[in-house]
């Protein structure tokens, strides 16, 4: 099992546009084989911070996700709304 936490720090005037783009990414990613969870979160105190927390059955499923049409279309678009990002990939230990 693989879990990803992808945190973005967005331009204040672009956060709503980012959320709109994420809507399609989240919905289509949830339909993919091997997707256990794929959710977008917004920081309570700083609305310009968004985090995607996703869980995949395997590294192979994650790699296939990265090569989907919707990923290749939407992730570059979302990155234009973002100042910086931080991403961590985790493997289940216990």
C-alpha atoms as a PDB file:
ATOM      1  CA  UNK A   1       0.000   0.000   0.000  1.00  0.00           C
ATOM      2  CA  UNK A   2       1.259   3.472  -0.912  1.00  0.00           C
ATOM      3  CA  UNK A   3       0.031   6.778   0.526  1.00  0.00           C
ATOM      4  CA  UNK A   4       0.833  10.208  -0.872  1.00  0.00           C
ATOM      5  CA  UNK A   5       0.482  13.578   0.794  1.00  0.00           C
ATOM      6  CA  UNK A   6       0.836  16.342  -1.799  1.00  0.00           C
ATOM      7  CA  UNK A   7       0.585  19.780  -0.226  1.00  0.00           C
ATOM      8  CA  UNK A   8       0.372  22.964  -2.282  1.00  0.00           C
ATOM      9  CA  UNK A   9       0.695  26.608  -1.334  1.00  0.00           C
ATOM     10  CA  UNK A  10      -1.521  28.504  -3.773  1.00  0.00           C
ATOM     11  CA  UNK A  11      -1.792  32.113  -4.853  1.00  0.00           C
ATOM     12  CA  UNK A  12      -4.667  33.665  -2.929  1.00  0.00           C
ATOM     13  CA  UNK A  13      -6.545  34.718  -6.066  1.00  0.00           C
ATOM     14  CA  UNK A  14      -6.064  31.287  -7.695  1.00  0.00           C
ATOM     15  CA  UNK A  15      -7.162  28.943  -4.913  1.00  0.00           C
ATOM     16  CA  UNK A  16     -10.749  28.647  -6.171  1.00  0.00           C
ATOM     17  CA  UNK A  17      -9.518  27.874  -9.696  1.00  0.00           C
ATOM     18  CA  UNK A  18      -7.228  25.206  -8.280  1.00  0.00           C
ATOM     19  CA  UNK A  19     -10.093  23.610  -6.366  1.00  0.00           C
ATOM     20  CA  UNK A  20     -12.185  23.562  -9.547  1.00  0.00           C
ATOM     21  CA  UNK A  21      -9.382  21.785 -11.446  1.00  0.00           C
ATOM     22  CA  UNK A  22      -8.909  19.364  -8.557  1.00  0.00           C
ATOM     23  CA  UNK A  23     -12.604  18.396  -8.756  1.00  0.00           C
ATOM     24  CA  UNK A  24     -12.055  16.635 -12.074  1.00  0.00           C
ATOM     25  CA  UNK A  25      -8.726  15.122 -10.980  1.00  0.00           C
ATOM     26  CA  UNK A  26     -10.221  13.723  -7.773  1.00  0.00           C
ATOM     27  CA  UNK A  27     -13.324  12.289  -9.430  1.00  0.00           C
ATOM     28  CA  UNK A  28     -11.453  10.604 -12.275  1.00  0.00           C
ATOM     29  CA  UNK A  29      -8.668   9.320 -10.013  1.00  0.00           C
ATOM     30  CA  UNK A  30     -11.183   7.696  -7.660  1.00  0.00           C
ATOM     31  CA  UNK A  31     -12.427   5.626 -10.609  1.00  0.00           C
ATOM     32  CA  UNK A  32      -8.986   4.188 -11.362  1.00  0.00           C
ATOM     33  CA  UNK A  33      -8.118   0.576 -10.660  1.00  0.00           C
ATOM     34  CA  UNK A  34      -6.084   0.351  -7.458  1.00  0.00           C
ATOM     35  CA  UNK A  35      -7.241   3.660  -5.969  1.00  0.00           C
ATOM     36  CA  UNK A  36      -8.205   3.180  -2.341  1.00  0.00           C
ATOM     37  CA  UNK A  37      -8.722   6.867  -1.512  1.00  0.00           C
ATOM     38  CA  UNK A  38      -8.172  10.217  -3.231  1.00  0.00           C
ATOM     39  CA  UNK A  39      -9.249  13.339  -1.349  1.00  0.00           C
ATOM     40  CA  UNK A  40      -8.582  17.080  -1.381  1.00  0.00           C
ATOM     41  CA  UNK A  41      -8.272  18.956   1.911  1.00  0.00           C
ATOM     42  CA  UNK A  42      -8.058  22.669   2.682  1.00  0.00           C
ATOM     43  CA  UNK A  43      -6.214  24.073   5.684  1.00  0.00           C
ATOM     44  CA  UNK A  44      -8.588  25.481   8.306  1.00  0.00           C
ATOM     45  CA  UNK A  45      -6.511  28.567   9.050  1.00  0.00           C
ATOM     46  CA  UNK A  46      -4.902  29.294   5.682  1.00  0.00           C
ATOM     47  CA  UNK A  47      -7.316  28.691   2.815  1.00  0.00           C
ATOM     48  CA  UNK A  48      -4.471  28.941   0.281  1.00  0.00           C
ATOM     49  CA  UNK A  49      -3.035  25.618   1.476  1.00  0.00           C
ATOM     50  CA  UNK A  50      -4.515  22.551  -0.199  1.00  0.00           C
ATOM     51  CA  UNK A  51      -3.449  18.947   0.287  1.00  0.00           C
ATOM     52  CA  UNK A  52      -4.282  15.847  -1.693  1.00  0.00           C
ATOM     53  CA  UNK A  53      -4.079  12.665   0.333  1.00  0.00           C
ATOM     54  CA  UNK A  54      -4.232   9.590  -1.834  1.00  0.00           C
ATOM     55  CA  UNK A  55      -3.867   5.891  -1.197  1.00  0.00           C
ATOM     56  CA  UNK A  56      -3.020   3.220  -3.779  1.00  0.00           C
ATOM     57  CA  UNK A  57      -2.924  -0.559  -3.621  1.00  0.00           C
ATOM     58  CA  UNK A  58       0.612  -0.644  -5.031  1.00  0.00           C
ATOM     59  CA  UNK A  59       3.448   1.340  -6.566  1.00  0.00           C
ATOM     60  CA  UNK A  60       2.369  -0.036  -9.952  1.00  0.00           C
ATOM     61  CA  UNK A  61      -1.115   1.464  -9.569  1.00  0.00           C
ATOM     62  CA  UNK A  62       0.431   4.793  -8.587  1.00  0.00           C
ATOM     63  CA  UNK A  63       2.670   4.741 -11.658  1.00  0.00           C
ATOM     64  CA  UNK A  64      -0.293   3.999 -13.924  1.00  0.00           C
ATOM     65  CA  UNK A  65      -2.158   6.910 -12.316  1.00  0.00           C
ATOM     66  CA  UNK A  66       0.730   9.252 -13.156  1.00  0.00           C
ATOM     67  CA  UNK A  67       0.393   8.280 -16.821  1.00  0.00           C
ATOM     68  CA  UNK A  68      -3.367   8.792 -17.182  1.00  0.00           C
ATOM     69  CA  UNK A  69      -4.726  11.416 -19.538  1.00  0.00           C
ATOM     70  CA  UNK A  70      -6.475  13.335 -16.739  1.00  0.00           C
ATOM     71  CA  UNK A  71      -3.311  13.418 -14.597  1.00  0.00           C
ATOM     72  CA  UNK A  72      -1.163  14.674 -17.493  1.00  0.00           C
ATOM     73  CA  UNK A  73      -3.747  17.348 -18.319  1.00  0.00           C
ATOM     74  CA  UNK A  74      -4.732  18.585 -14.863  1.00  0.00           C
ATOM     75  CA  UNK A  75      -1.556  18.440 -12.778  1.00  0.00           C
ATOM     76  CA  UNK A  76       0.344  20.915 -15.014  1.00  0.00           C
ATOM     77  CA  UNK A  77      -2.719  23.207 -14.960  1.00  0.00           C
ATOM     78  CA  UNK A  78      -2.945  23.061 -11.168  1.00  0.00           C
ATOM     79  CA  UNK A  79       0.765  23.830 -10.866  1.00  0.00           C
ATOM     80  CA  UNK A  80       0.192  27.223 -12.558  1.00  0.00           C
ATOM     81  CA  UNK A  81      -1.976  28.261  -9.582  1.00  0.00           C
ATOM     82  CA  UNK A  82       0.616  27.231  -6.994  1.00  0.00           C
ATOM     83  CA  UNK A  83       3.580  29.076  -5.457  1.00  0.00           C
ATOM     84  CA  UNK A  84       5.243  25.947  -4.126  1.00  0.00           C
ATOM     85  CA  UNK A  85       4.574  22.332  -3.246  1.00  0.00           C
ATOM     86  CA  UNK A  86       5.675  19.643  -0.862  1.00  0.00           C
ATOM     87  CA  UNK A  87       5.083  15.964  -1.556  1.00  0.00           C
ATOM     88  CA  UNK A  88       5.791  12.854   0.466  1.00  0.00           C
ATOM     89  CA  UNK A  89       5.259   9.224  -0.521  1.00  0.00           C
ATOM     90  CA  UNK A  90       4.724   6.791   2.320  1.00  0.00           C
ATOM     91  CA  UNK A  91       4.718   3.014   2.584  1.00  0.00           C
ATOM     92  CA  UNK A  92       2.738   1.215   5.256  1.00  0.00           C
ATOM     93  CA  UNK A  93       4.960   0.033   8.094  1.00  0.00           C
ATOM     94  CA  UNK A  94       2.489  -1.333  10.669  1.00  0.00           C
END
